[in-house]
N, C-alpha and C. Protein backbone atom coordinates (compact mmCIF):
# COMPACT_ATOMS: atom_id res chain seq x y z
N MET A 1 58.30 76.60 44.21
CA MET A 1 57.77 76.70 42.90
C MET A 1 56.30 77.11 43.16
N GLY A 2 55.94 78.04 42.29
CA GLY A 2 54.58 78.55 42.40
C GLY A 2 53.58 77.60 41.59
N LEU A 3 52.26 77.87 41.93
CA LEU A 3 51.31 77.01 41.34
C LEU A 3 51.36 77.01 39.85
N PHE A 4 51.40 78.33 39.33
CA PHE A 4 51.49 78.52 37.87
C PHE A 4 52.58 77.74 37.11
N SER A 5 53.74 77.89 37.66
CA SER A 5 54.91 77.22 37.10
C SER A 5 54.80 75.64 37.28
N PHE A 6 54.02 75.21 38.41
CA PHE A 6 53.99 73.79 38.53
C PHE A 6 53.07 73.34 37.54
N LEU A 7 51.91 73.96 37.22
CA LEU A 7 50.99 73.59 36.29
C LEU A 7 51.35 73.76 34.81
N PHE A 8 51.96 74.77 34.50
CA PHE A 8 52.31 75.16 33.13
C PHE A 8 53.76 75.22 32.71
N GLY A 9 54.72 75.24 33.71
CA GLY A 9 56.06 75.50 33.37
C GLY A 9 56.92 74.13 33.66
N ASN A 10 58.04 74.23 33.11
CA ASN A 10 59.14 73.28 33.46
C ASN A 10 58.72 71.91 33.21
N LYS A 11 57.94 71.62 32.21
CA LYS A 11 57.54 70.20 31.75
C LYS A 11 58.82 69.49 31.46
N THR A 12 59.81 70.20 30.77
CA THR A 12 61.09 69.60 30.30
C THR A 12 61.81 68.98 31.62
N LYS A 13 61.84 69.81 32.67
CA LYS A 13 62.57 69.24 33.76
C LYS A 13 61.79 68.04 34.28
N GLN A 14 60.52 67.94 34.47
CA GLN A 14 59.87 66.68 34.96
C GLN A 14 60.01 65.67 33.90
N ILE A 15 60.06 65.94 32.63
CA ILE A 15 60.34 64.81 31.58
C ILE A 15 61.64 64.20 31.92
N GLN A 16 62.70 65.06 32.00
CA GLN A 16 63.96 64.60 32.29
C GLN A 16 64.17 63.77 33.59
N ASP A 17 63.36 64.15 34.57
CA ASP A 17 63.40 63.47 35.91
C ASP A 17 62.69 62.06 35.55
N PHE A 18 61.69 62.05 34.92
CA PHE A 18 61.03 60.68 34.60
C PHE A 18 61.97 59.86 33.71
N LYS A 19 62.62 60.46 32.75
CA LYS A 19 63.44 59.73 31.93
C LYS A 19 64.62 59.13 32.62
N SER A 20 65.24 59.88 33.67
CA SER A 20 66.34 59.45 34.37
C SER A 20 65.97 58.19 35.18
N ARG A 21 64.71 58.03 35.54
CA ARG A 21 64.24 56.84 36.22
C ARG A 21 63.70 55.81 35.38
N GLY A 22 63.99 55.78 34.04
CA GLY A 22 63.57 54.78 33.10
C GLY A 22 62.13 54.78 32.65
N ALA A 23 61.62 55.94 32.58
CA ALA A 23 60.19 56.08 32.35
C ALA A 23 59.87 55.40 30.87
N VAL A 24 58.69 54.88 30.73
CA VAL A 24 58.16 54.21 29.44
C VAL A 24 57.42 55.34 28.81
N ILE A 25 57.58 55.57 27.58
CA ILE A 25 56.86 56.48 26.74
C ILE A 25 55.61 55.67 26.27
N LEU A 26 54.48 56.12 26.49
CA LEU A 26 53.32 55.42 26.14
C LEU A 26 52.48 56.27 25.23
N ASP A 27 52.42 55.90 23.84
CA ASP A 27 51.73 56.57 22.92
C ASP A 27 50.38 56.07 22.79
N VAL A 28 49.37 56.83 23.08
CA VAL A 28 47.90 56.37 23.02
C VAL A 28 47.05 56.70 21.85
N ARG A 29 47.81 56.96 20.81
CA ARG A 29 47.09 57.15 19.45
C ARG A 29 46.69 55.84 18.89
N THR A 30 45.96 55.82 17.81
CA THR A 30 45.55 54.58 17.12
C THR A 30 46.83 53.84 16.49
N LYS A 31 46.66 52.61 16.13
CA LYS A 31 47.82 51.96 15.61
C LYS A 31 48.27 52.54 14.33
N GLY A 32 47.33 53.04 13.46
CA GLY A 32 47.56 53.65 12.20
C GLY A 32 48.34 54.95 12.36
N GLU A 33 47.88 55.78 13.30
CA GLU A 33 48.58 57.06 13.69
C GLU A 33 50.10 56.78 14.03
N TYR A 34 50.13 55.78 14.94
CA TYR A 34 51.45 55.32 15.54
C TYR A 34 52.41 54.96 14.48
N GLN A 35 51.96 54.15 13.49
CA GLN A 35 52.65 53.64 12.34
C GLN A 35 53.15 54.69 11.53
N GLY A 36 52.45 55.94 11.43
CA GLY A 36 52.77 57.09 10.62
C GLY A 36 53.92 57.89 11.20
N GLY A 37 54.38 57.57 12.31
CA GLY A 37 55.44 58.31 12.97
C GLY A 37 55.35 58.23 14.47
N ALA A 38 56.43 58.06 15.20
CA ALA A 38 56.32 57.87 16.67
C ALA A 38 57.78 58.02 17.22
N ILE A 39 57.77 58.13 18.56
CA ILE A 39 58.98 58.26 19.26
C ILE A 39 59.65 56.92 19.33
N PRO A 40 60.91 56.70 18.88
CA PRO A 40 61.63 55.46 18.81
C PRO A 40 61.67 54.84 20.34
N GLY A 41 61.25 53.64 20.43
CA GLY A 41 61.23 52.91 21.67
C GLY A 41 60.02 53.06 22.48
N SER A 42 59.11 53.91 21.95
CA SER A 42 57.80 54.16 22.64
C SER A 42 56.85 52.89 22.53
N LYS A 43 55.94 52.70 23.36
CA LYS A 43 54.93 51.64 23.34
C LYS A 43 53.64 52.27 22.89
N ASN A 44 52.86 51.48 22.08
CA ASN A 44 51.60 51.93 21.59
C ASN A 44 50.46 51.14 22.18
N ILE A 45 49.75 51.73 23.01
CA ILE A 45 48.43 51.28 23.51
C ILE A 45 47.35 52.32 23.25
N PRO A 46 46.49 52.09 22.21
CA PRO A 46 45.46 53.22 22.20
C PRO A 46 44.65 53.39 23.36
N LEU A 47 44.17 54.68 23.34
CA LEU A 47 43.46 55.15 24.64
C LEU A 47 42.41 54.25 25.04
N GLN A 48 41.65 53.69 23.99
CA GLN A 48 40.48 52.83 24.33
C GLN A 48 40.90 51.48 24.98
N GLN A 49 42.17 51.20 24.94
CA GLN A 49 42.69 49.91 25.50
C GLN A 49 43.32 50.10 26.75
N VAL A 50 43.61 51.34 27.14
CA VAL A 50 44.49 51.54 28.44
C VAL A 50 43.87 50.92 29.60
N ALA A 51 42.59 51.14 29.77
CA ALA A 51 42.03 50.55 31.14
C ALA A 51 42.09 49.00 31.14
N THR A 52 41.87 48.45 29.92
CA THR A 52 41.86 47.02 29.92
C THR A 52 43.18 46.32 29.99
N ARG A 53 44.26 47.19 29.67
CA ARG A 53 45.57 46.57 29.73
C ARG A 53 46.40 47.06 30.86
N MET A 54 45.73 47.53 31.89
CA MET A 54 46.29 48.06 33.11
C MET A 54 47.28 47.15 33.77
N ALA A 55 47.01 45.97 33.85
CA ALA A 55 47.82 44.75 34.44
C ALA A 55 49.10 44.79 33.73
N GLU A 56 49.15 44.85 32.42
CA GLU A 56 50.31 44.91 31.60
C GLU A 56 51.16 46.20 31.87
N ILE A 57 50.53 47.32 31.98
CA ILE A 57 51.21 48.55 32.13
C ILE A 57 51.88 48.59 33.58
N LYS A 58 51.14 48.03 34.61
CA LYS A 58 51.67 48.00 35.91
C LYS A 58 52.85 47.10 36.03
N LYS A 59 52.99 46.00 35.21
CA LYS A 59 54.07 45.17 35.25
C LYS A 59 55.31 45.86 34.80
N TRP A 60 55.29 46.88 34.06
CA TRP A 60 56.45 47.65 33.59
C TRP A 60 57.25 48.22 34.93
N ASN A 61 56.43 48.59 35.88
CA ASN A 61 56.95 49.03 37.16
C ASN A 61 57.88 50.16 37.02
N LYS A 62 57.48 51.08 36.18
CA LYS A 62 58.26 52.26 35.87
C LYS A 62 57.32 53.43 35.68
N PRO A 63 57.88 54.68 35.83
CA PRO A 63 57.03 55.86 35.60
C PRO A 63 56.64 55.84 34.05
N VAL A 64 55.52 56.56 33.79
CA VAL A 64 55.07 56.51 32.41
C VAL A 64 54.82 57.95 32.01
N ILE A 65 55.22 58.34 30.76
CA ILE A 65 54.88 59.50 30.13
C ILE A 65 54.02 59.26 28.97
N THR A 66 52.81 59.72 29.07
CA THR A 66 51.85 59.53 27.88
C THR A 66 51.99 60.67 26.89
N CYS A 67 51.67 60.22 25.65
CA CYS A 67 51.69 61.23 24.48
C CYS A 67 50.58 60.77 23.49
N CYS A 68 50.25 61.72 22.68
CA CYS A 68 49.27 61.34 21.55
C CYS A 68 49.49 62.39 20.38
N ALA A 69 48.46 62.77 19.77
CA ALA A 69 48.71 63.74 18.61
C ALA A 69 48.79 65.17 19.17
N SER A 70 47.97 65.53 20.00
CA SER A 70 47.87 66.94 20.62
C SER A 70 48.01 67.05 22.14
N GLY A 71 47.73 66.02 22.85
CA GLY A 71 47.84 66.06 24.24
C GLY A 71 46.42 65.73 25.00
N MET A 72 45.35 65.81 24.27
CA MET A 72 44.10 65.54 24.81
C MET A 72 43.94 64.11 25.06
N ARG A 73 44.19 63.22 24.26
CA ARG A 73 43.93 61.71 24.61
C ARG A 73 45.09 61.38 25.64
N SER A 74 46.26 61.82 25.59
CA SER A 74 47.33 61.48 26.50
C SER A 74 46.87 61.93 27.86
N GLY A 75 46.21 63.16 28.05
CA GLY A 75 45.67 63.67 29.23
C GLY A 75 44.65 62.68 29.89
N SER A 76 43.85 62.20 29.07
CA SER A 76 42.89 61.27 29.48
C SER A 76 43.49 59.94 29.98
N ALA A 77 44.50 59.49 29.27
CA ALA A 77 45.09 58.22 29.64
C ALA A 77 46.02 58.47 30.83
N ALA A 78 46.44 59.56 31.00
CA ALA A 78 47.37 59.92 32.29
C ALA A 78 46.34 59.93 33.48
N ALA A 79 45.16 60.46 33.38
CA ALA A 79 44.22 60.40 34.42
C ALA A 79 43.74 58.97 34.84
N ILE A 80 43.56 58.08 33.83
CA ILE A 80 43.22 56.71 34.11
C ILE A 80 44.25 55.92 34.75
N LEU A 81 45.57 56.18 34.38
CA LEU A 81 46.69 55.52 34.83
C LEU A 81 46.91 56.02 36.36
N ARG A 82 46.79 57.47 36.55
CA ARG A 82 46.99 57.94 37.94
C ARG A 82 45.93 57.35 38.86
N SER A 83 44.71 57.25 38.36
CA SER A 83 43.77 56.71 39.28
C SER A 83 43.82 55.25 39.64
N ASN A 84 44.71 54.62 38.91
CA ASN A 84 45.03 53.16 39.15
C ASN A 84 46.42 52.99 39.73
N GLY A 85 46.98 54.08 40.34
CA GLY A 85 48.27 54.06 41.16
C GLY A 85 49.45 54.06 40.23
N VAL A 86 49.50 54.40 39.10
CA VAL A 86 50.70 54.48 38.11
C VAL A 86 51.24 55.97 38.25
N GLU A 87 52.57 56.04 38.48
CA GLU A 87 53.19 57.37 38.42
C GLU A 87 53.27 57.87 36.96
N VAL A 88 52.72 58.78 36.71
CA VAL A 88 52.47 59.29 35.21
C VAL A 88 52.48 60.72 35.09
N MET A 89 52.93 61.14 33.90
CA MET A 89 52.74 62.52 33.44
C MET A 89 52.29 62.60 32.00
N ASN A 90 51.52 63.65 31.74
CA ASN A 90 51.08 63.88 30.32
C ASN A 90 52.23 64.51 29.59
N GLY A 91 52.73 63.89 28.59
CA GLY A 91 53.87 64.47 27.84
C GLY A 91 53.33 65.35 26.64
N GLY A 92 51.97 65.23 26.36
CA GLY A 92 51.39 66.07 25.28
C GLY A 92 51.55 65.35 23.92
N GLY A 93 51.68 66.21 22.90
CA GLY A 93 51.79 65.80 21.60
C GLY A 93 53.09 65.02 21.32
N TRP A 94 53.16 63.90 20.76
CA TRP A 94 54.29 63.03 20.59
C TRP A 94 55.48 63.75 19.90
N TYR A 95 55.24 64.59 18.86
CA TYR A 95 56.34 65.33 18.22
C TYR A 95 57.01 66.27 19.09
N SER A 96 56.15 67.05 19.85
CA SER A 96 56.72 68.07 20.74
C SER A 96 57.40 67.39 21.83
N LEU A 97 57.00 66.30 22.32
CA LEU A 97 57.67 65.56 23.44
C LEU A 97 58.93 65.01 22.80
N SER A 98 59.00 64.54 21.57
CA SER A 98 60.25 63.96 21.02
C SER A 98 61.40 65.05 21.03
N GLN A 99 60.97 66.26 20.95
CA GLN A 99 61.93 67.38 20.86
C GLN A 99 62.52 67.67 22.30
N LYS A 100 61.83 67.19 23.41
CA LYS A 100 62.18 67.52 24.72
C LYS A 100 63.01 66.34 25.27
N LEU A 101 62.99 65.22 24.61
CA LEU A 101 63.77 64.08 25.20
C LEU A 101 65.25 64.05 24.90
């Protein structure tokens, strides 16, 4: 697999791999945004709370797919989780992600 396809391609395959291993969908939008529509079964921890709730997230002991409105906040959350040893991928915008699940 080339670097370009690794960075930009085949996100669906990676999502399916994570999903097959029981990944938790973590929506990092605000509570209000989450209540306006979300992926069924996803967990909501706003980006500002991700670092302070790390122990809770680690207890899941599962891979994590982050999502938000556009992919920016979920990218930040994924970086925080990755730096704390959590297997994570940025799923991008929640609606787009829901179409790939």
